[in-house]
Amino acid sequence: MMTALVLYALASSGFADLDAIDRQVATFTGTAAGEEGGAVTPVDRRLRLQPCRGGLGLSWRTAARDSVVVQCGDAGGWRLFVPVRRAALPLVEAPELPAIKRGDAVAIVVEGEGFAVSQSGEALEGGAIGAWIRVRPLTVGKGRAEEMRARIVRPGLVSLPLP
């Protein structure tokens, strides 16, 4: 089960407050950075992220809880993946449930530097978040759209990043 937390982080310097992001990750994981179950290290201080006025969303990247996704809710906002220090003892992990099943309607997002476009499509395979599956865009009119491979971002959303 994925959980999410929405918080705000704005520094007076005009960039996102990285200390606040670290505190929010620690609150989300329940453990301080550097400790088992917490972030491996604090967020890189060289980052100059745009302020996030719409709030931050925090969620586990996968059911394995190996990293936290910190995402700015603003249009065109940024996203960070914060690695989490794994416990020394093996954890019993729940099997990853498919986020998308074959035949599901999906939004296909094609992303490049400075742009993102999306269109409706159909999943030709199922998979968990992070898996690459075959999808087909829905077309209007005659003809059949080409299949493509895209990565599952969340239920109902797949992404095709361009180099």
Protein backbone atom coordinates (compact mmCIF):
# COMPACT_ATOMS: atom_id res chain seq x y z
CA MET A 1 0.00 0.00 0.00
CA MET A 2 1.45 3.33 -1.03
CA THR A 3 1.10 6.22 1.37
CA ALA A 4 1.58 9.86 0.58
CA LEU A 5 2.13 13.02 2.55
CA VAL A 6 1.74 16.57 1.23
CA LEU A 7 3.89 19.29 2.78
CA TYR A 8 5.40 22.66 1.87
CA ALA A 9 9.08 23.69 1.60
CA LEU A 10 10.20 27.18 0.62
CA ALA A 11 13.46 28.81 1.62
CA SER A 12 13.98 32.54 1.78
CA SER A 13 16.78 32.16 -0.82
CA GLY A 14 14.27 31.72 -3.65
CA PHE A 15 14.95 27.99 -3.91
CA ALA A 16 13.24 25.06 -2.25
CA ASP A 17 14.32 24.59 1.39
CA LEU A 18 16.47 21.42 1.32
CA ASP A 19 16.58 21.22 5.13
CA ALA A 20 12.78 21.21 5.18
CA ILE A 21 12.75 18.43 2.56
CA ASP A 22 15.14 16.39 4.77
CA ARG A 23 12.85 16.93 7.78
CA GLN A 24 9.80 15.92 5.75
CA VAL A 25 11.51 12.73 4.52
CA ALA A 26 12.47 11.92 8.14
CA THR A 27 8.88 12.50 9.24
CA PHE A 28 7.57 10.36 6.39
CA THR A 29 9.96 7.43 7.09
CA GLY A 30 9.82 7.88 10.86
CA THR A 31 13.63 7.76 11.03
CA ALA A 32 16.43 10.33 10.76
CA ALA A 33 18.80 10.42 7.78
CA GLY A 34 21.72 8.01 8.14
CA GLU A 35 19.81 5.56 10.35
CA GLU A 36 18.26 2.28 9.26
CA GLY A 37 14.89 3.00 7.68
CA GLY A 38 15.74 6.67 7.05
CA ALA A 39 17.32 8.46 4.09
CA VAL A 40 20.83 7.19 3.31
CA THR A 41 22.11 10.81 3.28
CA PRO A 42 20.55 14.27 3.37
CA VAL A 43 19.41 15.75 0.04
CA ASP A 44 22.39 17.02 -2.01
CA ARG A 45 22.99 20.64 -1.05
CA ARG A 46 24.12 21.52 -4.57
CA LEU A 47 20.54 21.18 -5.81
CA ARG A 48 18.82 24.43 -6.72
CA LEU A 49 15.18 23.42 -6.97
CA GLN A 50 12.42 25.84 -7.84
CA PRO A 51 10.16 26.70 -4.90
CA CYS A 52 7.14 24.44 -4.70
CA ARG A 53 4.05 26.51 -4.04
CA GLY A 54 1.57 23.65 -4.52
CA GLY A 55 3.07 21.51 -1.77
CA LEU A 56 5.26 18.43 -1.78
CA GLY A 57 3.94 14.91 -2.16
CA LEU A 58 5.92 12.14 -0.47
CA SER A 59 5.32 8.48 -1.24
CA TRP A 60 7.20 5.20 -1.28
CA ARG A 61 8.67 4.42 -4.70
CA THR A 62 7.80 0.71 -4.38
CA ALA A 63 6.36 -1.70 -1.84
CA ALA A 64 9.97 -2.57 -0.94
CA ARG A 65 10.28 0.93 0.59
CA ASP A 66 13.82 1.36 -0.74
CA SER A 67 13.35 5.02 -1.67
CA VAL A 68 11.01 7.93 -1.11
CA VAL A 69 9.63 9.94 -4.03
CA VAL A 70 9.47 13.66 -3.21
CA GLN A 71 7.44 15.45 -5.86
CA CYS A 72 6.55 19.10 -6.30
CA GLY A 73 2.82 19.47 -6.95
CA ASP A 74 3.23 22.53 -9.17
CA ALA A 75 2.62 22.26 -12.93
CA GLY A 76 5.97 21.25 -14.41
CA GLY A 77 7.28 20.59 -10.89
CA TRP A 78 10.36 18.55 -10.05
CA ARG A 79 10.72 15.07 -8.55
CA LEU A 80 13.45 13.60 -6.31
CA PHE A 81 14.15 10.00 -5.40
CA VAL A 82 15.65 9.75 -1.91
CA PRO A 83 17.30 6.35 -1.20
CA VAL A 84 16.44 4.76 2.14
CA ARG A 85 18.93 2.76 4.24
CA ARG A 86 17.76 -0.84 4.33
CA ALA A 87 17.50 -2.68 7.63
CA ALA A 88 20.28 -5.16 8.39
CA LEU A 89 17.79 -7.97 8.94
CA PRO A 90 15.87 -9.13 5.89
CA LEU A 91 12.36 -7.79 5.80
CA VAL A 92 9.41 -9.86 4.76
CA GLU A 93 8.12 -7.92 1.80
CA ALA A 94 4.66 -8.04 0.42
CA PRO A 95 4.54 -9.08 -3.21
CA GLU A 96 4.24 -6.15 -5.57
CA LEU A 97 0.73 -5.89 -6.87
CA PRO A 98 0.23 -4.88 -10.47
CA ALA A 99 -0.36 -1.15 -10.79
CA ILE A 100 -1.68 -1.70 -14.30
CA LYS A 101 -3.37 -4.76 -15.79
CA ARG A 102 -3.63 -5.85 -19.41
CA GLY A 103 -6.47 -3.96 -21.10
CA ASP A 104 -6.43 -1.04 -18.65
CA ALA A 105 -6.89 2.46 -20.03
CA VAL A 106 -3.71 4.48 -19.44
CA ALA A 107 -2.37 7.95 -20.04
CA ILE A 108 0.86 7.72 -22.06
CA VAL A 109 3.22 10.61 -21.29
CA VAL A 110 6.14 11.30 -23.62
CA GLU A 111 8.73 13.43 -21.82
CA GLY A 112 11.74 15.30 -23.09
CA GLU A 113 13.84 18.17 -21.84
CA GLY A 114 11.43 21.01 -21.15
CA PHE A 115 8.25 19.36 -22.41
CA ALA A 116 5.75 16.56 -21.81
CA VAL A 117 2.81 15.47 -23.97
CA SER A 118 0.25 12.81 -23.22
CA GLN A 119 -2.46 10.83 -24.92
CA SER A 120 -4.83 8.04 -24.05
CA GLY A 121 -3.81 4.47 -24.60
CA GLU A 122 -4.31 0.84 -23.66
CA ALA A 123 -2.02 -1.43 -21.67
CA LEU A 124 -1.10 -4.55 -23.63
CA GLU A 125 0.61 -6.03 -20.56
CA GLY A 126 0.34 -5.60 -16.82
CA GLY A 127 3.01 -4.78 -14.29
CA ALA A 128 4.04 -3.09 -11.05
CA ILE A 129 5.26 0.49 -10.66
CA GLY A 130 8.63 0.89 -12.36
CA ALA A 131 8.07 -2.02 -14.78
CA TRP A 132 8.31 -1.53 -18.55
CA ILE A 133 5.24 -2.73 -20.44
CA ARG A 134 3.85 -2.66 -23.96
CA VAL A 135 1.17 -0.03 -24.61
CA ARG A 136 -0.74 1.17 -27.65
CA PRO A 137 -1.98 4.74 -28.12
CA LEU A 138 -5.67 5.07 -28.95
CA THR A 139 -6.17 6.52 -32.40
CA VAL A 140 -9.05 8.40 -33.90
CA GLY A 141 -10.00 7.35 -37.39
CA LYS A 142 -8.63 4.49 -39.45
CA GLY A 143 -5.44 2.62 -38.87
CA ARG A 144 -3.84 1.00 -35.91
CA ALA A 145 -1.27 2.76 -33.74
CA GLU A 146 2.18 1.27 -33.24
CA GLU A 147 2.91 -0.51 -29.98
CA MET A 148 5.55 1.03 -27.73
CA ARG A 149 7.22 0.26 -24.44
CA ALA A 150 6.66 2.60 -21.50
CA ARG A 151 7.48 2.57 -17.80
CA ILE A 152 4.67 2.40 -15.24
CA VAL A 153 4.69 5.54 -13.07
CA ARG A 154 1.51 4.86 -11.10
CA PRO A 155 -1.86 3.19 -11.74
CA GLY A 156 -3.23 4.59 -14.99
CA LEU A 157 -0.03 6.44 -15.99
CA VAL A 158 2.94 5.27 -18.08
CA SER A 159 5.92 7.31 -19.23
CA LEU A 160 8.10 7.20 -22.30
CA PRO A 161 11.16 9.39 -21.57
CA LEU A 162 13.07 10.71 -24.58
CA PRO A 163 16.87 10.97 -24.48
